[in-house]
Amino acid sequence: MSDNWSEEELRASVEAYVEMHRKESSGTAFSKKSYYEDLAKKFGRTVKSYEYRMQNISYVYSLQGRQWISGLKPARNVGAKVVHVLERLISEVEGQNLGELAEFDAEVERLKKAPPKAPPPGNKKPATSQSPVTQFIRDPAVVAWVLAEAAGICEWCGLPAPFTREEGSPFLEVHHVLRLADGGEDTIYNTVALCPNCHRELHYGAKKRELAAKLRRKIPRLS
């Protein structure tokens, strides 16, 4: 797909996606096709081209470890520069900056298809950058309760924590089934204690949507 889209057109696509994403998260019914048709009328592209662009936006969400809109499976046939623009626009439209990771990960995926023949030199003195990142203020009591309830056992795979901390407590990570960035609540009814492997899979795994549904069925307090 050509990436010669104007900033205005990309922003309109992101605005439509974010609105649909919020509706899906809240359980509000909507028609994806009607959004594509409105964009097609405004900018003159085909309905199919907007559906595919929405899948590109899903790809950015997936690189961020977020839940994408059902029925819009991530399509990664998009350049890293466009990924960078989409990530920036998502931050602006949502009003939250989750950090610029998608562009980097997209470039890694591109290079994996044709890795450098010689070992890359890397950077002996990596450059640094600073930018404000949105951080949600979490309730420590929720984290403590969930970890105590798990008692050192991953609530998904059922295996013991992979190691203990220096002070002797088992290491598990508290995961929000519906991410705070996607409108999830910071309560015990949306959080579980997971081992690092299960935690990463629920963020980045190919079947993370199905796993999240199974997790809700498995743990009574999540239903």
N, C-alpha and C. Protein backbone atom coordinates (compact mmCIF):
# COMPACT_ATOMS: atom_id res chain seq x y z
N MET A 1 0.84 -1.19 0.00
CA MET A 1 0.00 0.00 0.00
C MET A 1 0.88 1.25 0.00
N SER A 2 0.54 2.24 -0.79
CA SER A 2 1.33 3.47 -0.85
C SER A 2 1.22 4.21 0.47
N ASP A 3 2.34 4.82 0.90
CA ASP A 3 2.36 5.57 2.14
C ASP A 3 2.33 7.07 1.90
N ASN A 4 1.89 7.51 0.71
CA ASN A 4 1.86 8.94 0.41
C ASN A 4 0.56 9.56 0.90
N TRP A 5 0.24 9.32 2.15
CA TRP A 5 -0.96 9.87 2.76
C TRP A 5 -0.59 11.18 3.46
N SER A 6 -1.48 12.15 3.39
CA SER A 6 -1.23 13.42 4.06
C SER A 6 -1.40 13.25 5.57
N GLU A 7 -0.81 14.16 6.31
CA GLU A 7 -0.96 14.15 7.78
C GLU A 7 -2.43 14.28 8.16
N GLU A 8 -3.17 15.11 7.42
CA GLU A 8 -4.60 15.29 7.71
C GLU A 8 -5.35 13.98 7.58
N GLU A 9 -5.03 13.23 6.52
CA GLU A 9 -5.72 11.97 6.26
C GLU A 9 -5.35 10.91 7.31
N LEU A 10 -4.08 10.87 7.68
CA LEU A 10 -3.66 9.93 8.70
C LEU A 10 -4.28 10.27 10.04
N ARG A 11 -4.35 11.55 10.36
CA ARG A 11 -4.96 11.96 11.63
C ARG A 11 -6.45 11.59 11.67
N ALA A 12 -7.15 11.81 10.56
CA ALA A 12 -8.56 11.46 10.51
C ALA A 12 -8.76 9.95 10.69
N SER A 13 -7.85 9.17 10.12
CA SER A 13 -7.92 7.71 10.27
C SER A 13 -7.68 7.31 11.72
N VAL A 14 -6.70 7.93 12.35
CA VAL A 14 -6.40 7.63 13.75
C VAL A 14 -7.56 8.06 14.65
N GLU A 15 -8.13 9.21 14.37
CA GLU A 15 -9.27 9.68 15.18
C GLU A 15 -10.43 8.69 15.10
N ALA A 16 -10.67 8.17 13.89
CA ALA A 16 -11.75 7.19 13.72
C ALA A 16 -11.41 5.90 14.48
N TYR A 17 -10.17 5.48 14.38
CA TYR A 17 -9.76 4.24 15.06
C TYR A 17 -9.89 4.38 16.56
N VAL A 18 -9.39 5.48 17.10
CA VAL A 18 -9.45 5.69 18.56
C VAL A 18 -10.89 5.73 19.04
N GLU A 19 -11.75 6.36 18.28
CA GLU A 19 -13.17 6.41 18.66
C GLU A 19 -13.77 5.01 18.67
N MET A 20 -13.47 4.22 17.65
CA MET A 20 -13.98 2.84 17.61
C MET A 20 -13.39 2.02 18.75
N HIS A 21 -12.12 2.24 19.02
CA HIS A 21 -11.43 1.49 20.08
C HIS A 21 -12.08 1.77 21.44
N ARG A 22 -12.39 3.03 21.69
CA ARG A 22 -13.04 3.41 22.95
C ARG A 22 -14.44 2.82 23.05
N LYS A 23 -15.15 2.82 21.93
CA LYS A 23 -16.49 2.23 21.93
C LYS A 23 -16.43 0.74 22.21
N GLU A 24 -15.48 0.04 21.58
CA GLU A 24 -15.36 -1.39 21.82
C GLU A 24 -15.00 -1.67 23.27
N SER A 25 -14.10 -0.88 23.84
CA SER A 25 -13.68 -1.07 25.23
C SER A 25 -14.83 -0.87 26.20
N SER A 26 -15.76 0.03 25.84
CA SER A 26 -16.90 0.31 26.72
C SER A 26 -18.12 -0.55 26.41
N GLY A 27 -18.02 -1.39 25.37
CA GLY A 27 -19.14 -2.26 25.01
C GLY A 27 -20.21 -1.58 24.18
N THR A 28 -19.87 -0.44 23.57
CA THR A 28 -20.82 0.30 22.73
C THR A 28 -20.78 -0.23 21.30
N ALA A 29 -21.94 -0.50 20.73
CA ALA A 29 -22.01 -1.03 19.37
C ALA A 29 -21.64 0.04 18.34
N PHE A 30 -21.01 -0.37 17.25
CA PHE A 30 -20.66 0.55 16.17
C PHE A 30 -20.41 -0.24 14.90
N SER A 31 -20.42 0.46 13.77
CA SER A 31 -20.15 -0.16 12.48
C SER A 31 -18.82 0.34 11.94
N LYS A 32 -17.87 -0.56 11.80
CA LYS A 32 -16.57 -0.16 11.26
C LYS A 32 -16.72 0.36 9.83
N LYS A 33 -17.57 -0.30 9.06
CA LYS A 33 -17.71 0.08 7.66
C LYS A 33 -18.18 1.52 7.51
N SER A 34 -19.05 1.97 8.41
CA SER A 34 -19.54 3.35 8.30
C SER A 34 -18.41 4.35 8.49
N TYR A 35 -17.45 4.02 9.33
CA TYR A 35 -16.29 4.90 9.51
C TYR A 35 -15.46 4.94 8.24
N TYR A 36 -15.26 3.77 7.62
CA TYR A 36 -14.48 3.72 6.37
C TYR A 36 -15.17 4.53 5.29
N GLU A 37 -16.48 4.40 5.21
CA GLU A 37 -17.24 5.10 4.17
C GLU A 37 -17.16 6.62 4.36
N ASP A 38 -17.23 7.07 5.62
CA ASP A 38 -17.12 8.51 5.88
C ASP A 38 -15.75 9.05 5.46
N LEU A 39 -14.71 8.28 5.76
CA LEU A 39 -13.36 8.69 5.37
C LEU A 39 -13.19 8.67 3.85
N ALA A 40 -13.77 7.66 3.21
CA ALA A 40 -13.68 7.55 1.75
C ALA A 40 -14.35 8.75 1.07
N LYS A 41 -15.49 9.17 1.60
CA LYS A 41 -16.20 10.32 1.04
C LYS A 41 -15.39 11.61 1.22
N LYS A 42 -14.71 11.72 2.35
CA LYS A 42 -13.98 12.94 2.66
C LYS A 42 -12.68 13.06 1.87
N PHE A 43 -11.97 11.93 1.70
CA PHE A 43 -10.64 12.00 1.10
C PHE A 43 -10.52 11.33 -0.28
N GLY A 44 -11.55 10.59 -0.70
CA GLY A 44 -11.53 10.07 -2.06
C GLY A 44 -10.84 8.75 -2.28
N ARG A 45 -10.44 8.05 -1.21
CA ARG A 45 -9.86 6.72 -1.38
C ARG A 45 -10.96 5.67 -1.25
N THR A 46 -10.61 4.42 -1.51
CA THR A 46 -11.59 3.35 -1.42
C THR A 46 -11.83 2.95 0.03
N VAL A 47 -12.99 2.37 0.28
CA VAL A 47 -13.33 1.88 1.62
C VAL A 47 -12.30 0.85 2.06
N LYS A 48 -11.88 0.00 1.12
CA LYS A 48 -10.91 -1.06 1.43
C LYS A 48 -9.57 -0.47 1.87
N SER A 49 -9.17 0.65 1.29
CA SER A 49 -7.89 1.25 1.66
C SER A 49 -7.91 1.73 3.11
N TYR A 50 -9.07 2.20 3.56
CA TYR A 50 -9.17 2.65 4.95
C TYR A 50 -9.23 1.48 5.92
N GLU A 51 -9.86 0.41 5.49
CA GLU A 51 -9.86 -0.79 6.33
C GLU A 51 -8.42 -1.27 6.54
N TYR A 52 -7.63 -1.25 5.47
CA TYR A 52 -6.24 -1.70 5.59
C TYR A 52 -5.43 -0.73 6.44
N ARG A 53 -5.69 0.56 6.29
CA ARG A 53 -4.97 1.53 7.11
C ARG A 53 -5.29 1.33 8.58
N MET A 54 -6.55 0.96 8.87
CA MET A 54 -6.92 0.67 10.26
C MET A 54 -6.14 -0.54 10.77
N GLN A 55 -5.88 -1.49 9.90
CA GLN A 55 -5.08 -2.66 10.30
C GLN A 55 -3.64 -2.25 10.57
N ASN A 56 -3.15 -1.23 9.84
CA ASN A 56 -1.82 -0.68 10.13
C ASN A 56 -1.81 -0.05 11.53
N ILE A 57 -2.90 0.63 11.87
CA ILE A 57 -2.98 1.24 13.20
C ILE A 57 -3.06 0.15 14.26
N SER A 58 -3.76 -0.95 13.95
CA SER A 58 -3.78 -2.10 14.87
C SER A 58 -2.36 -2.61 15.09
N TYR A 59 -1.56 -2.58 14.04
CA TYR A 59 -0.16 -3.03 14.14
C TYR A 59 0.60 -2.18 15.15
N VAL A 60 0.38 -0.86 15.11
CA VAL A 60 1.03 0.03 16.07
C VAL A 60 0.57 -0.31 17.49
N TYR A 61 -0.73 -0.54 17.66
CA TYR A 61 -1.25 -0.92 18.98
C TYR A 61 -0.60 -2.23 19.45
N SER A 62 -0.43 -3.18 18.54
CA SER A 62 0.15 -4.46 18.92
C SER A 62 1.61 -4.30 19.32
N LEU A 63 2.34 -3.40 18.65
CA LEU A 63 3.73 -3.14 19.01
C LEU A 63 3.83 -2.50 20.39
N GLN A 64 2.79 -1.80 20.79
CA GLN A 64 2.74 -1.18 22.11
C GLN A 64 2.24 -2.16 23.18
N GLY A 65 1.93 -3.39 22.75
CA GLY A 65 1.43 -4.37 23.70
C GLY A 65 -0.01 -4.14 24.11
N ARG A 66 -0.76 -3.43 23.26
CA ARG A 66 -2.14 -3.07 23.58
C ARG A 66 -3.13 -3.94 22.81
N GLN A 67 -4.38 -3.88 23.24
CA GLN A 67 -5.44 -4.63 22.56
C GLN A 67 -5.91 -3.83 21.35
N TRP A 68 -5.94 -4.45 20.19
CA TRP A 68 -6.42 -3.77 18.99
C TRP A 68 -7.89 -4.13 18.76
N ILE A 69 -8.52 -3.40 17.86
CA ILE A 69 -9.95 -3.58 17.60
C ILE A 69 -10.20 -4.95 16.98
N SER A 70 -11.16 -5.68 17.52
CA SER A 70 -11.48 -7.00 16.98
C SER A 70 -11.91 -6.89 15.53
N GLY A 71 -11.45 -7.83 14.72
CA GLY A 71 -11.77 -7.81 13.29
C GLY A 71 -10.80 -6.99 12.46
N LEU A 72 -9.88 -6.29 13.12
CA LEU A 72 -8.87 -5.49 12.42
C LEU A 72 -7.49 -6.04 12.77
N LYS A 73 -7.22 -7.23 12.29
CA LYS A 73 -5.96 -7.90 12.59
C LYS A 73 -4.79 -7.06 12.11
N PRO A 74 -3.75 -6.89 12.95
CA PRO A 74 -2.61 -6.06 12.57
C PRO A 74 -1.99 -6.42 11.23
N ALA A 75 -1.78 -5.41 10.39
CA ALA A 75 -1.11 -5.57 9.09
C ALA A 75 0.18 -4.78 9.17
N ARG A 76 1.32 -5.47 9.08
CA ARG A 76 2.59 -4.80 9.29
C ARG A 76 3.29 -4.38 8.01
N ASN A 77 2.61 -4.43 6.90
CA ASN A 77 3.19 -3.97 5.65
C ASN A 77 3.09 -2.45 5.58
N VAL A 78 3.88 -1.81 6.45
CA VAL A 78 3.86 -0.34 6.53
C VAL A 78 5.26 0.10 6.96
N GLY A 79 5.74 1.19 6.38
CA GLY A 79 7.09 1.65 6.67
C GLY A 79 7.24 2.18 8.09
N ALA A 80 8.48 2.11 8.59
CA ALA A 80 8.76 2.56 9.96
C ALA A 80 8.45 4.04 10.13
N LYS A 81 8.66 4.84 9.08
CA LYS A 81 8.38 6.27 9.17
C LYS A 81 6.88 6.52 9.37
N VAL A 82 6.06 5.74 8.66
CA VAL A 82 4.61 5.89 8.83
C VAL A 82 4.19 5.40 10.21
N VAL A 83 4.83 4.32 10.68
CA VAL A 83 4.57 3.84 12.03
C VAL A 83 4.85 4.94 13.04
N HIS A 84 5.96 5.66 12.84
CA HIS A 84 6.33 6.76 13.74
C HIS A 84 5.23 7.83 13.75
N VAL A 85 4.73 8.19 12.57
CA VAL A 85 3.68 9.21 12.48
C VAL A 85 2.41 8.71 13.14
N LEU A 86 2.03 7.46 12.88
CA LEU A 86 0.82 6.92 13.48
C LEU A 86 0.92 6.87 14.99
N GLU A 87 2.08 6.47 15.50
CA GLU A 87 2.28 6.41 16.96
C GLU A 87 2.15 7.81 17.57
N ARG A 88 2.73 8.79 16.92
CA ARG A 88 2.62 10.16 17.41
C ARG A 88 1.17 10.65 17.40
N LEU A 89 0.47 10.35 16.31
CA LEU A 89 -0.92 10.79 16.20
C LEU A 89 -1.81 10.09 17.22
N ILE A 90 -1.54 8.82 17.48
CA ILE A 90 -2.31 8.10 18.50
C ILE A 90 -2.13 8.77 19.86
N SER A 91 -0.88 9.14 20.18
CA SER A 91 -0.61 9.82 21.44
C SER A 91 -1.36 11.14 21.53
N GLU A 92 -1.35 11.89 20.43
CA GLU A 92 -2.01 13.19 20.42
C GLU A 92 -3.52 13.05 20.54
N VAL A 93 -4.09 12.13 19.80
CA VAL A 93 -5.55 11.96 19.80
C VAL A 93 -6.05 11.40 21.13
N GLU A 94 -5.30 10.44 21.69
CA GLU A 94 -5.70 9.85 22.96
C GLU A 94 -5.35 10.75 24.15
N GLY A 95 -4.41 11.67 23.94
CA GLY A 95 -4.00 12.54 25.02
C GLY A 95 -3.10 11.85 26.02
N GLN A 96 -2.36 10.85 25.57
CA GLN A 96 -1.43 10.16 26.45
C GLN A 96 -0.21 9.71 25.65
N ASN A 97 0.96 9.86 26.25
CA ASN A 97 2.20 9.46 25.59
C ASN A 97 2.73 8.21 26.27
N LEU A 98 2.69 7.09 25.58
CA LEU A 98 3.11 5.82 26.15
C LEU A 98 4.56 5.51 25.84
N GLY A 99 5.25 6.45 25.21
CA GLY A 99 6.65 6.21 24.83
C GLY A 99 6.72 5.76 23.38
N GLU A 100 7.78 6.15 22.69
CA GLU A 100 7.91 5.85 21.26
C GLU A 100 8.67 4.54 21.07
N LEU A 101 7.94 3.44 21.08
CA LEU A 101 8.53 2.12 20.93
C LEU A 101 8.17 1.46 19.60
N ALA A 102 7.02 1.82 19.06
CA ALA A 102 6.52 1.13 17.87
C ALA A 102 7.44 1.30 16.68
N GLU A 103 7.96 2.50 16.46
CA GLU A 103 8.84 2.73 15.31
C GLU A 103 10.08 1.85 15.41
N PHE A 104 10.68 1.77 16.59
CA PHE A 104 11.87 0.95 16.80
C PHE A 104 11.57 -0.51 16.52
N ASP A 105 10.46 -1.01 17.09
CA ASP A 105 10.11 -2.42 16.90
C ASP A 105 9.77 -2.73 15.44
N ALA A 106 9.14 -1.77 14.76
CA ALA A 106 8.82 -1.98 13.34
C ALA A 106 10.10 -2.09 12.51
N GLU A 107 11.11 -1.28 12.85
CA GLU A 107 12.38 -1.34 12.13
C GLU A 107 13.09 -2.67 12.42
N VAL A 108 12.99 -3.16 13.65
CA VAL A 108 13.57 -4.46 13.99
C VAL A 108 12.92 -5.55 13.15
N GLU A 109 11.59 -5.51 13.03
CA GLU A 109 10.87 -6.50 12.24
C GLU A 109 11.31 -6.46 10.78
N ARG A 110 11.52 -5.25 10.25
CA ARG A 110 11.95 -5.11 8.86
C ARG A 110 13.34 -5.73 8.67
N LEU A 111 14.24 -5.45 9.59
CA LEU A 111 15.62 -5.94 9.47
C LEU A 111 15.71 -7.44 9.68
N LYS A 112 14.80 -8.00 10.44
CA LYS A 112 14.80 -9.45 10.67
C LYS A 112 14.57 -10.22 9.37
N LYS A 113 13.88 -9.59 8.42
CA LYS A 113 13.60 -10.25 7.15
C LYS A 113 14.87 -10.36 6.30
N ALA A 114 15.78 -9.43 6.48
CA ALA A 114 17.05 -9.45 5.74
C ALA A 114 18.14 -8.95 6.67
N PRO A 115 18.56 -9.78 7.63
CA PRO A 115 19.54 -9.36 8.62
C PRO A 115 20.87 -8.97 7.99
N PRO A 116 21.60 -8.04 8.60
CA PRO A 116 22.92 -7.66 8.08
C PRO A 116 23.84 -8.88 8.02
N LYS A 117 24.60 -9.01 6.94
CA LYS A 117 25.49 -10.15 6.80
C LYS A 117 26.65 -10.09 7.79
N ALA A 118 27.11 -8.88 8.08
CA ALA A 118 28.19 -8.71 9.05
C ALA A 118 27.62 -8.18 10.36
N PRO A 119 28.24 -8.50 11.47
CA PRO A 119 27.76 -7.99 12.76
C PRO A 119 27.72 -6.47 12.74
N PRO A 120 26.61 -5.86 13.11
CA PRO A 120 26.52 -4.40 13.11
C PRO A 120 27.41 -3.80 14.19
N PRO A 121 27.96 -2.61 13.96
CA PRO A 121 28.88 -2.00 14.93
C PRO A 121 28.20 -1.51 16.20
N GLY A 122 26.89 -1.19 16.10
CA GLY A 122 26.20 -0.68 17.28
C GLY A 122 26.72 0.71 17.65
N ASN A 123 26.54 1.09 18.91
CA ASN A 123 26.99 2.40 19.38
C ASN A 123 27.71 2.24 20.71
N LYS A 124 28.98 2.62 20.74
CA LYS A 124 29.73 2.54 21.99
C LYS A 124 29.24 3.56 23.00
N LYS A 125 28.73 4.67 22.49
CA LYS A 125 28.15 5.70 23.36
C LYS A 125 26.77 6.06 22.83
N PRO A 126 25.74 5.25 23.18
CA PRO A 126 24.39 5.50 22.66
C PRO A 126 23.89 6.89 23.02
N ALA A 127 23.23 7.51 22.07
CA ALA A 127 22.63 8.82 22.32
C ALA A 127 21.44 8.65 23.26
N THR A 128 21.03 9.72 23.88
CA THR A 128 19.88 9.68 24.78
C THR A 128 18.84 10.70 24.35
N SER A 129 17.63 10.48 24.75
CA SER A 129 16.55 11.45 24.51
C SER A 129 15.62 11.42 25.69
N GLN A 130 14.98 12.54 25.96
CA GLN A 130 14.04 12.63 27.06
C GLN A 130 12.74 13.22 26.57
N SER A 131 11.64 12.62 27.00
CA SER A 131 10.32 13.14 26.65
C SER A 131 9.34 12.72 27.72
N PRO A 132 8.33 13.53 27.98
CA PRO A 132 7.34 13.16 29.01
C PRO A 132 6.54 11.95 28.57
N VAL A 133 6.36 11.01 29.48
CA VAL A 133 5.59 9.80 29.21
C VAL A 133 4.42 9.72 30.18
N THR A 134 3.24 9.38 29.68
CA THR A 134 2.07 9.25 30.53
C THR A 134 2.23 8.07 31.49
N GLN A 135 2.09 8.33 32.77
CA GLN A 135 2.15 7.28 33.76
C GLN A 135 0.86 7.29 34.58
N PHE A 136 0.25 6.12 34.70
CA PHE A 136 -0.97 6.01 35.48
C PHE A 136 -0.62 5.78 36.95
N ILE A 137 -1.30 6.48 37.83
CA ILE A 137 -1.06 6.34 39.26
C ILE A 137 -1.84 5.12 39.75
N ARG A 138 -1.11 4.06 40.07
CA ARG A 138 -1.74 2.80 40.47
C ARG A 138 -1.87 2.72 41.99
N ASP A 139 -2.84 1.94 42.43
CA ASP A 139 -3.09 1.74 43.85
C ASP A 139 -2.21 0.60 44.36
N PRO A 140 -1.25 0.87 45.24
CA PRO A 140 -0.38 -0.20 45.73
C PRO A 140 -1.13 -1.28 46.50
N ALA A 141 -2.28 -0.91 47.09
CA ALA A 141 -3.07 -1.90 47.82
C ALA A 141 -3.61 -2.97 46.88
N VAL A 142 -3.95 -2.58 45.65
CA VAL A 142 -4.45 -3.53 44.66
C VAL A 142 -3.34 -4.52 44.30
N VAL A 143 -2.15 -3.99 44.04
CA VAL A 143 -1.01 -4.84 43.70
C VAL A 143 -0.71 -5.81 44.84
N ALA A 144 -0.67 -5.28 46.06
CA ALA A 144 -0.36 -6.12 47.22
C ALA A 144 -1.40 -7.22 47.40
N TRP A 145 -2.67 -6.89 47.23
CA TRP A 145 -3.75 -7.87 47.42
C TRP A 145 -3.65 -8.99 46.39
N VAL A 146 -3.44 -8.61 45.13
CA VAL A 146 -3.37 -9.60 44.05
C VAL A 146 -2.17 -10.52 44.25
N LEU A 147 -1.03 -9.96 44.62
CA LEU A 147 0.16 -10.78 44.84
C LEU A 147 -0.03 -11.71 46.04
N ALA A 148 -0.66 -11.22 47.09
CA ALA A 148 -0.92 -12.07 48.26
C ALA A 148 -1.88 -13.20 47.91
N GLU A 149 -2.87 -12.87 47.10
CA GLU A 149 -3.86 -13.87 46.68
C GLU A 149 -3.20 -14.97 45.84
N ALA A 150 -2.25 -14.58 45.00
CA ALA A 150 -1.57 -15.55 44.13
C ALA A 150 -0.62 -16.45 44.92
N ALA A 151 -0.08 -15.93 46.02
CA ALA A 151 0.79 -16.71 46.90
C ALA A 151 1.97 -17.33 46.15
N GLY A 152 2.56 -16.56 45.23
CA GLY A 152 3.76 -17.02 44.54
C GLY A 152 3.51 -17.92 43.35
N ILE A 153 2.25 -18.11 42.97
CA ILE A 153 1.90 -18.98 41.83
C ILE A 153 1.28 -18.15 40.72
N CYS A 154 1.80 -18.28 39.50
CA CYS A 154 1.24 -17.56 38.34
C CYS A 154 -0.22 -17.94 38.17
N GLU A 155 -1.08 -16.95 38.08
CA GLU A 155 -2.52 -17.22 38.00
C GLU A 155 -2.95 -17.72 36.62
N TRP A 156 -2.05 -17.73 35.66
CA TRP A 156 -2.40 -18.27 34.35
C TRP A 156 -1.83 -19.67 34.14
N CYS A 157 -0.51 -19.82 34.19
CA CYS A 157 0.09 -21.13 33.90
C CYS A 157 0.12 -22.05 35.12
N GLY A 158 -0.04 -21.48 36.32
CA GLY A 158 -0.07 -22.31 37.52
C GLY A 158 1.29 -22.74 38.03
N LEU A 159 2.35 -22.18 37.46
CA LEU A 159 3.71 -22.53 37.90
C LEU A 159 4.20 -21.54 38.95
N PRO A 160 5.14 -21.99 39.80
CA PRO A 160 5.69 -21.07 40.80
C PRO A 160 6.44 -19.91 40.15
N ALA A 161 6.56 -18.81 40.88
CA ALA A 161 7.34 -17.67 40.40
C ALA A 161 8.73 -18.14 40.01
N PRO A 162 9.31 -17.61 38.93
CA PRO A 162 10.59 -18.11 38.41
C PRO A 162 11.78 -17.86 39.33
N PHE A 163 11.68 -16.89 40.21
CA PHE A 163 12.77 -16.62 41.15
C PHE A 163 12.23 -15.80 42.31
N THR A 164 13.04 -15.64 43.32
CA THR A 164 12.66 -14.82 44.47
C THR A 164 13.46 -13.53 44.46
N ARG A 165 12.86 -12.49 44.98
CA ARG A 165 13.54 -11.21 45.10
C ARG A 165 14.61 -11.29 46.19
N GLU A 166 15.44 -10.27 46.25
CA GLU A 166 16.51 -10.26 47.24
C GLU A 166 15.98 -10.36 48.67
N GLU A 167 14.79 -9.78 48.90
CA GLU A 167 14.25 -9.82 50.26
C GLU A 167 13.49 -11.11 50.54
N GLY A 168 13.41 -12.00 49.51
CA GLY A 168 12.83 -13.32 49.74
C GLY A 168 11.43 -13.55 49.20
N SER A 169 10.77 -12.52 48.65
CA SER A 169 9.41 -12.71 48.14
C SER A 169 9.44 -13.25 46.71
N PRO A 170 8.45 -14.07 46.31
CA PRO A 170 8.42 -14.60 44.95
C PRO A 170 8.14 -13.49 43.94
N PHE A 171 8.82 -13.55 42.79
CA PHE A 171 8.67 -12.50 41.79
C PHE A 171 7.55 -12.84 40.81
N LEU A 172 6.46 -12.08 40.88
CA LEU A 172 5.38 -12.12 39.90
C LEU A 172 5.06 -10.69 39.50
N GLU A 173 4.47 -10.52 38.32
CA GLU A 173 4.12 -9.19 37.83
C GLU A 173 2.60 -9.05 37.79
N VAL A 174 2.11 -7.89 38.19
CA VAL A 174 0.66 -7.65 38.19
C VAL A 174 0.25 -7.06 36.85
N HIS A 175 -0.67 -7.72 36.19
CA HIS A 175 -1.11 -7.39 34.83
C HIS A 175 -2.55 -6.91 34.83
N HIS A 176 -2.82 -5.83 34.10
CA HIS A 176 -4.20 -5.36 33.90
C HIS A 176 -4.75 -6.05 32.66
N VAL A 177 -5.80 -6.83 32.83
CA VAL A 177 -6.37 -7.58 31.72
C VAL A 177 -6.81 -6.63 30.61
N LEU A 178 -7.50 -5.56 30.97
CA LEU A 178 -7.76 -4.46 30.03
C LEU A 178 -6.82 -3.34 30.45
N ARG A 179 -5.86 -3.02 29.60
CA ARG A 179 -4.81 -2.07 29.97
C ARG A 179 -5.39 -0.73 30.39
N LEU A 180 -4.72 -0.07 31.32
CA LEU A 180 -5.15 1.25 31.77
C LEU A 180 -5.18 2.22 30.59
N ALA A 181 -4.24 2.06 29.65
CA ALA A 181 -4.20 2.93 28.47
C ALA A 181 -5.41 2.73 27.58
N ASP A 182 -6.07 1.58 27.72
CA ASP A 182 -7.25 1.28 26.91
C ASP A 182 -8.55 1.48 27.69
N GLY A 183 -8.45 2.13 28.85
CA GLY A 183 -9.64 2.43 29.63
C GLY A 183 -9.92 1.43 30.74
N GLY A 184 -8.98 0.52 31.00
CA GLY A 184 -9.18 -0.46 32.05
C GLY A 184 -9.11 0.17 33.44
N GLU A 185 -9.77 -0.46 34.41
CA GLU A 185 -9.77 0.06 35.78
C GLU A 185 -8.65 -0.56 36.60
N ASP A 186 -8.19 0.16 37.60
CA ASP A 186 -7.12 -0.33 38.48
C ASP A 186 -7.77 -0.91 39.73
N THR A 187 -8.37 -2.09 39.58
CA THR A 187 -9.03 -2.78 40.68
C THR A 187 -8.63 -4.26 40.64
N ILE A 188 -8.96 -4.98 41.70
CA ILE A 188 -8.64 -6.41 41.73
C ILE A 188 -9.45 -7.18 40.70
N TYR A 189 -10.50 -6.56 40.16
CA TYR A 189 -11.36 -7.24 39.19
C TYR A 189 -10.82 -7.14 37.76
N ASN A 190 -9.69 -6.43 37.62
CA ASN A 190 -9.07 -6.28 36.30
C ASN A 190 -7.57 -6.60 36.36
N THR A 191 -7.12 -7.17 37.47
CA THR A 191 -5.69 -7.44 37.62
C THR A 191 -5.42 -8.88 38.04
N VAL A 192 -4.30 -9.40 37.56
CA VAL A 192 -3.87 -10.77 37.90
C VAL A 192 -2.36 -10.77 38.12
N ALA A 193 -1.88 -11.77 38.86
CA ALA A 193 -0.45 -11.94 39.09
C ALA A 193 0.08 -12.99 38.14
N LEU A 194 1.10 -12.62 37.36
CA LEU A 194 1.61 -13.51 36.32
C LEU A 194 3.13 -13.64 36.40
N CYS A 195 3.63 -14.77 35.91
CA CYS A 195 5.07 -14.90 35.73
C CYS A 195 5.46 -14.04 34.52
N PRO A 196 6.73 -13.64 34.40
CA PRO A 196 7.13 -12.76 33.29
C PRO A 196 6.79 -13.30 31.91
N ASN A 197 6.93 -14.62 31.69
CA ASN A 197 6.62 -15.19 30.37
C ASN A 197 5.15 -15.02 30.02
N CYS A 198 4.27 -15.37 30.95
CA CYS A 198 2.84 -15.23 30.69
C CYS A 198 2.46 -13.77 30.52
N HIS A 199 3.10 -12.90 31.30
CA HIS A 199 2.81 -11.47 31.20
C HIS A 199 3.14 -10.94 29.81
N ARG A 200 4.32 -11.30 29.30
CA ARG A 200 4.71 -10.84 27.97
C ARG A 200 3.79 -11.41 26.90
N GLU A 201 3.39 -12.68 27.06
CA GLU A 201 2.52 -13.29 26.05
C GLU A 201 1.16 -12.60 26.01
N LEU A 202 0.65 -12.19 27.17
CA LEU A 202 -0.64 -11.52 27.21
C LEU A 202 -0.57 -10.10 26.65
N HIS A 203 0.65 -9.57 26.52
CA HIS A 203 0.81 -8.27 25.87
C HIS A 203 1.13 -8.41 24.39
N TYR A 204 1.99 -9.37 24.05
CA TYR A 204 2.53 -9.42 22.69
C TYR A 204 2.27 -10.72 21.93
N GLY A 205 1.67 -11.70 22.57
CA GLY A 205 1.44 -12.99 21.92
C GLY A 205 0.43 -12.92 20.79
N ALA A 206 0.58 -13.82 19.82
CA ALA A 206 -0.33 -13.84 18.67
C ALA A 206 -1.76 -14.14 19.08
N LYS A 207 -1.94 -14.82 20.22
CA LYS A 207 -3.29 -15.18 20.67
C LYS A 207 -3.66 -14.47 21.96
N LYS A 208 -3.15 -13.26 22.14
CA LYS A 208 -3.38 -12.57 23.41
C LYS A 208 -4.86 -12.28 23.66
N ARG A 209 -5.62 -12.03 22.60
CA ARG A 209 -7.05 -11.77 22.78
C ARG A 209 -7.76 -13.00 23.32
N GLU A 210 -7.44 -14.17 22.73
CA GLU A 210 -8.05 -15.42 23.19
C GLU A 210 -7.59 -15.76 24.61
N LEU A 211 -6.32 -15.49 24.90
CA LEU A 211 -5.79 -15.76 26.24
C LEU A 211 -6.47 -14.89 27.28
N ALA A 212 -6.71 -13.64 26.95
CA ALA A 212 -7.37 -12.74 27.89
C ALA A 212 -8.78 -13.24 28.20
N ALA A 213 -9.48 -13.73 27.18
CA ALA A 213 -10.83 -14.26 27.39
C ALA A 213 -10.79 -15.51 28.26
N LYS A 214 -9.81 -16.37 28.04
CA LYS A 214 -9.67 -17.59 28.85
C LYS A 214 -9.31 -17.24 30.29
N LEU A 215 -8.48 -16.22 30.45
CA LEU A 215 -8.08 -15.78 31.78
C LEU A 215 -9.30 -15.30 32.57
N ARG A 216 -10.18 -14.57 31.91
CA ARG A 216 -11.40 -14.09 32.57
C ARG A 216 -12.29 -15.26 32.99
N ARG A 217 -12.33 -16.29 32.16
CA ARG A 217 -13.15 -17.46 32.52
C ARG A 217 -12.52 -18.28 33.64
N LYS A 218 -11.21 -18.28 33.68
CA LYS A 218 -10.51 -19.10 34.67
C LYS A 218 -10.56 -18.51 36.08
N ILE A 219 -10.43 -17.19 36.18
CA ILE A 219 -10.35 -16.52 37.48
C ILE A 219 -11.69 -15.86 37.82
N PRO A 220 -12.41 -16.37 38.79
CA PRO A 220 -13.77 -15.89 39.09
C PRO A 220 -13.89 -14.38 39.32
N ARG A 221 -12.89 -13.78 39.97
CA ARG A 221 -13.05 -12.35 40.29
C ARG A 221 -13.00 -11.46 39.05
N LEU A 222 -12.51 -11.99 37.92
CA LEU A 222 -12.41 -11.20 36.69
C LEU A 222 -13.71 -11.19 35.89
N SER A 223 -14.60 -12.13 36.18
CA SER A 223 -15.82 -12.25 35.37
C SER A 223 -16.91 -11.30 35.84
